[in-house]
Amino acid sequence: MIKQDDELDKLEEDIRKLKNKYDQFFACIQKFPPMHERRQLEVYIYELGKQKIRDNARRFRYSQLLTRYNQHREMWGRKMREREEGPLDFRRRAAALNEPIAPVAPPPPAPRVTSPKLDPYVKVAPGTNGEEIKRLYGDIEKEHLKLGRLPNITIEQLKSMIQKQSDLVREKYHVDVVAFRVDVVDGKVKLKAKPIQE
């Protein structure tokens, strides 16, 4: 019985010593975290856990010590992550947490519109002026901004891409007019084409 109490006393003392060494590491007194001591303590906890503890008081004390160690371990892991991410990220996060939360205004009521919705397709016929392409480029730009990015295509690149795709669709479906619309698929802005029979 005394031997077993000594084991729990040793476990409690080892946890306290390891906590002190981690405190020294986080205070920049030690250069490296005490990983060797931590590994030894975890092996010791594992060995104690394999024993059958019949006495309720000892089992309760062991589980309390184990809980305390796990809390310290989580705290050490969190502090290590903050240390690795750097002080700027930590300050930014702290400022965001301390920022007062503004009350959320209710969304404005939807406008009552009786006219049909605008057709998302833009018709492009051979020999049309650049207004359709400008409208498509505006739609692409708007969708990219919704995703928080700048468009990755210029208006000239869009013009040549529409020309190539229009020629392919006209040839395949034997039509004069091809309609295009801008879609977002899996976080990517895409241009969809469909033939128009007139």
Protein backbone atom coordinates (compact mmCIF):
# COMPACT_ATOMS: atom_id res chain seq x y z
CA MET A 1 0.00 0.00 0.00
CA ILE A 2 2.79 2.42 0.93
CA LYS A 3 4.68 1.50 -2.25
CA GLN A 4 1.62 2.29 -4.35
CA ASP A 5 1.14 5.65 -2.64
CA ASP A 6 4.79 6.40 -3.34
CA GLU A 7 4.13 5.71 -7.02
CA LEU A 8 1.30 8.27 -7.09
CA ASP A 9 3.42 10.75 -5.11
CA LYS A 10 6.22 10.28 -7.67
CA LEU A 11 3.71 10.80 -10.52
CA GLU A 12 2.43 14.01 -8.92
CA GLU A 13 5.98 15.27 -8.37
CA ASP A 14 6.99 14.39 -11.95
CA ILE A 15 3.98 16.28 -13.35
CA ARG A 16 4.89 19.31 -11.21
CA LYS A 17 8.55 19.20 -12.37
CA LEU A 18 7.54 18.85 -16.03
CA LYS A 19 5.15 21.79 -15.69
CA ASN A 20 7.98 23.89 -14.21
CA LYS A 21 10.29 22.95 -17.10
CA TYR A 22 7.62 23.90 -19.65
CA ASP A 23 7.04 27.19 -17.81
CA GLN A 24 10.79 27.88 -18.07
CA PHE A 25 10.69 27.04 -21.77
CA PHE A 26 7.76 29.39 -22.45
CA ALA A 27 9.49 32.11 -20.39
CA CYS A 28 12.54 31.68 -22.71
CA ILE A 29 14.79 30.49 -19.86
CA GLN A 30 15.24 27.10 -21.56
CA LYS A 31 15.97 26.89 -25.29
CA PHE A 32 14.17 23.61 -25.99
CA PRO A 33 10.95 22.06 -24.68
CA PRO A 34 11.50 19.17 -22.20
CA MET A 35 10.49 16.43 -24.64
CA HIS A 36 12.70 13.73 -23.06
CA GLU A 37 11.19 14.28 -19.60
CA ARG A 38 7.70 14.37 -21.10
CA ARG A 39 8.29 11.06 -22.87
CA GLN A 40 9.57 9.47 -19.64
CA LEU A 41 6.50 10.72 -17.75
CA GLU A 42 4.14 9.36 -20.42
CA VAL A 43 5.84 5.95 -20.22
CA TYR A 44 5.47 6.03 -16.42
CA ILE A 45 1.76 6.95 -16.72
CA TYR A 46 1.30 4.10 -19.20
CA GLU A 47 2.95 1.63 -16.80
CA LEU A 48 0.80 2.82 -13.89
CA GLY A 49 -2.31 2.58 -16.07
CA LYS A 50 -1.61 -1.10 -16.76
CA GLN A 51 -1.81 -1.90 -13.03
CA LYS A 52 -5.12 -2.99 -11.53
CA ILE A 53 -5.89 -0.36 -8.90
CA ARG A 54 -8.46 -1.84 -6.53
CA ASP A 55 -8.50 0.88 -3.88
CA ASN A 56 -11.09 3.53 -4.80
CA ALA A 57 -9.18 6.38 -3.18
CA ARG A 58 -6.00 5.53 -5.13
CA ARG A 59 -7.95 5.09 -8.38
CA PHE A 60 -9.62 8.49 -7.83
CA ARG A 61 -6.26 10.15 -7.11
CA TYR A 62 -4.71 8.53 -10.20
CA SER A 63 -7.54 9.75 -12.44
CA GLN A 64 -7.24 13.26 -10.97
CA LEU A 65 -3.51 13.32 -11.69
CA LEU A 66 -4.13 12.02 -15.20
CA THR A 67 -6.75 14.73 -15.81
CA ARG A 68 -4.37 17.42 -14.56
CA TYR A 69 -1.61 16.11 -16.83
CA ASN A 70 -3.95 16.09 -19.85
CA GLN A 71 -4.99 19.68 -19.15
CA HIS A 72 -1.33 20.71 -19.00
CA ARG A 73 -0.65 18.83 -22.24
CA GLU A 74 -3.44 20.66 -24.06
CA MET A 75 -2.21 24.01 -22.74
CA TRP A 76 1.38 23.23 -23.81
CA GLY A 77 0.18 22.25 -27.29
CA ARG A 78 -1.81 25.48 -27.61
CA LYS A 79 1.13 27.61 -26.45
CA MET A 80 3.48 25.80 -28.85
CA ARG A 81 1.11 26.50 -31.77
CA GLU A 82 0.88 30.17 -30.81
CA ARG A 83 4.64 30.34 -30.54
CA GLU A 84 5.14 28.73 -33.96
CA GLU A 85 2.51 30.91 -35.68
CA GLY A 86 4.27 34.03 -34.45
CA PRO A 87 3.29 37.04 -32.40
CA LEU A 88 1.61 38.91 -35.25
CA ASP A 89 -1.04 36.24 -35.74
CA PHE A 90 -1.51 36.03 -31.99
CA ARG A 91 -2.02 39.81 -31.70
CA ARG A 92 -4.40 39.79 -34.65
CA ARG A 93 -6.46 37.01 -33.07
CA ALA A 94 -6.48 38.74 -29.67
CA ALA A 95 -7.63 42.01 -31.28
CA ALA A 96 -10.42 40.17 -33.10
CA LEU A 97 -11.55 38.50 -29.88
CA ASN A 98 -11.53 41.78 -27.92
CA GLU A 99 -13.39 43.70 -30.62
CA PRO A 100 -16.94 44.53 -29.52
CA ILE A 101 -19.61 42.68 -31.43
CA ALA A 102 -21.93 45.02 -33.31
CA PRO A 103 -25.60 44.06 -33.31
CA VAL A 104 -26.61 42.48 -36.58
CA ALA A 105 -29.14 44.53 -38.50
CA PRO A 106 -32.01 42.58 -40.01
CA PRO A 107 -31.66 42.11 -43.76
CA PRO A 108 -33.67 44.57 -45.85
CA PRO A 109 -36.89 43.16 -47.26
CA ALA A 110 -36.61 41.78 -50.75
CA PRO A 111 -37.82 44.25 -53.39
CA ARG A 112 -41.13 43.39 -54.97
CA VAL A 113 -40.50 42.84 -58.63
CA THR A 114 -43.19 41.73 -61.00
CA SER A 115 -41.02 41.57 -64.09
CA PRO A 116 -39.26 38.29 -64.97
CA LYS A 117 -35.67 37.76 -63.89
CA LEU A 118 -32.89 38.83 -66.22
CA ASP A 119 -31.67 36.06 -68.50
CA PRO A 120 -28.21 35.02 -67.29
CA TYR A 121 -27.19 34.07 -70.84
CA VAL A 122 -25.51 36.64 -73.08
CA LYS A 123 -26.11 36.02 -76.81
CA VAL A 124 -23.10 36.32 -79.08
CA ALA A 125 -23.71 36.32 -82.84
CA PRO A 126 -21.02 36.61 -85.53
CA GLY A 127 -20.03 40.21 -86.16
CA THR A 128 -21.45 41.61 -82.90
CA ASN A 129 -19.77 44.54 -81.22
CA GLY A 130 -17.89 44.15 -77.92
CA GLU A 131 -20.82 45.02 -75.59
CA GLU A 132 -21.68 41.35 -74.99
CA ILE A 133 -18.07 40.51 -74.16
CA LYS A 134 -17.85 43.51 -71.80
CA ARG A 135 -21.01 42.30 -70.05
CA LEU A 136 -19.58 38.79 -69.70
CA TYR A 137 -16.29 40.20 -68.40
CA GLY A 138 -18.25 42.26 -65.85
CA ASP A 139 -20.06 39.10 -64.70
CA ILE A 140 -16.74 37.23 -64.40
CA GLU A 141 -15.25 40.11 -62.43
CA LYS A 142 -18.28 40.23 -60.11
CA GLU A 143 -18.14 36.47 -59.39
CA HIS A 144 -14.39 36.60 -58.69
CA LEU A 145 -14.90 39.49 -56.26
CA LYS A 146 -17.64 37.51 -54.48
CA LEU A 147 -15.04 34.76 -54.00
CA GLY A 148 -12.56 37.34 -52.69
CA ARG A 149 -10.20 37.19 -55.68
CA LEU A 150 -9.29 39.30 -58.67
CA PRO A 151 -10.16 37.99 -62.14
CA ASN A 152 -7.44 35.81 -63.64
CA ILE A 153 -8.28 36.69 -67.25
CA THR A 154 -8.07 39.86 -69.33
CA ILE A 155 -10.83 41.10 -71.61
CA GLU A 156 -8.66 40.25 -74.66
CA GLN A 157 -8.17 36.68 -73.44
CA LEU A 158 -11.91 36.40 -72.83
CA LYS A 159 -12.62 37.72 -76.34
CA SER A 160 -10.39 35.10 -78.00
CA MET A 161 -11.78 32.33 -75.76
CA ILE A 162 -15.36 33.27 -76.67
CA GLN A 163 -14.42 33.41 -80.36
CA LYS A 164 -12.92 29.89 -80.28
CA GLN A 165 -15.77 28.41 -78.27
CA SER A 166 -18.41 30.12 -80.45
CA ASP A 167 -16.84 28.68 -83.59
CA LEU A 168 -16.82 25.17 -82.08
CA VAL A 169 -20.47 25.35 -80.95
CA ARG A 170 -21.65 26.88 -84.26
CA GLU A 171 -19.90 24.14 -86.22
CA LYS A 172 -21.12 21.33 -83.99
CA TYR A 173 -24.79 22.42 -83.69
CA HIS A 174 -25.15 24.34 -87.01
CA VAL A 175 -26.42 27.55 -85.38
CA ASP A 176 -25.56 31.23 -85.82
CA VAL A 177 -26.02 32.44 -82.24
CA VAL A 178 -24.27 31.08 -79.16
CA ALA A 179 -25.21 32.18 -75.64
CA PHE A 180 -22.76 32.32 -72.74
CA ARG A 181 -23.27 32.57 -69.01
CA VAL A 182 -20.91 32.81 -66.03
CA ASP A 183 -21.14 30.03 -63.42
CA VAL A 184 -19.28 29.21 -60.21
CA VAL A 185 -18.47 25.50 -59.88
CA ASP A 186 -16.45 24.18 -56.90
CA GLY A 187 -15.15 27.66 -56.11
CA LYS A 188 -14.02 28.29 -59.69
CA VAL A 189 -15.56 30.77 -62.12
CA LYS A 190 -16.50 29.02 -65.39
CA LEU A 191 -17.94 30.17 -68.69
CA LYS A 192 -20.80 27.99 -70.03
CA ALA A 193 -21.93 28.04 -73.67
CA LYS A 194 -25.17 26.86 -75.27
CA PRO A 195 -26.42 26.98 -78.87
CA ILE A 196 -29.43 29.19 -79.68
CA GLN A 197 -31.78 28.24 -82.53
CA GLU A 198 -33.26 31.36 -84.19
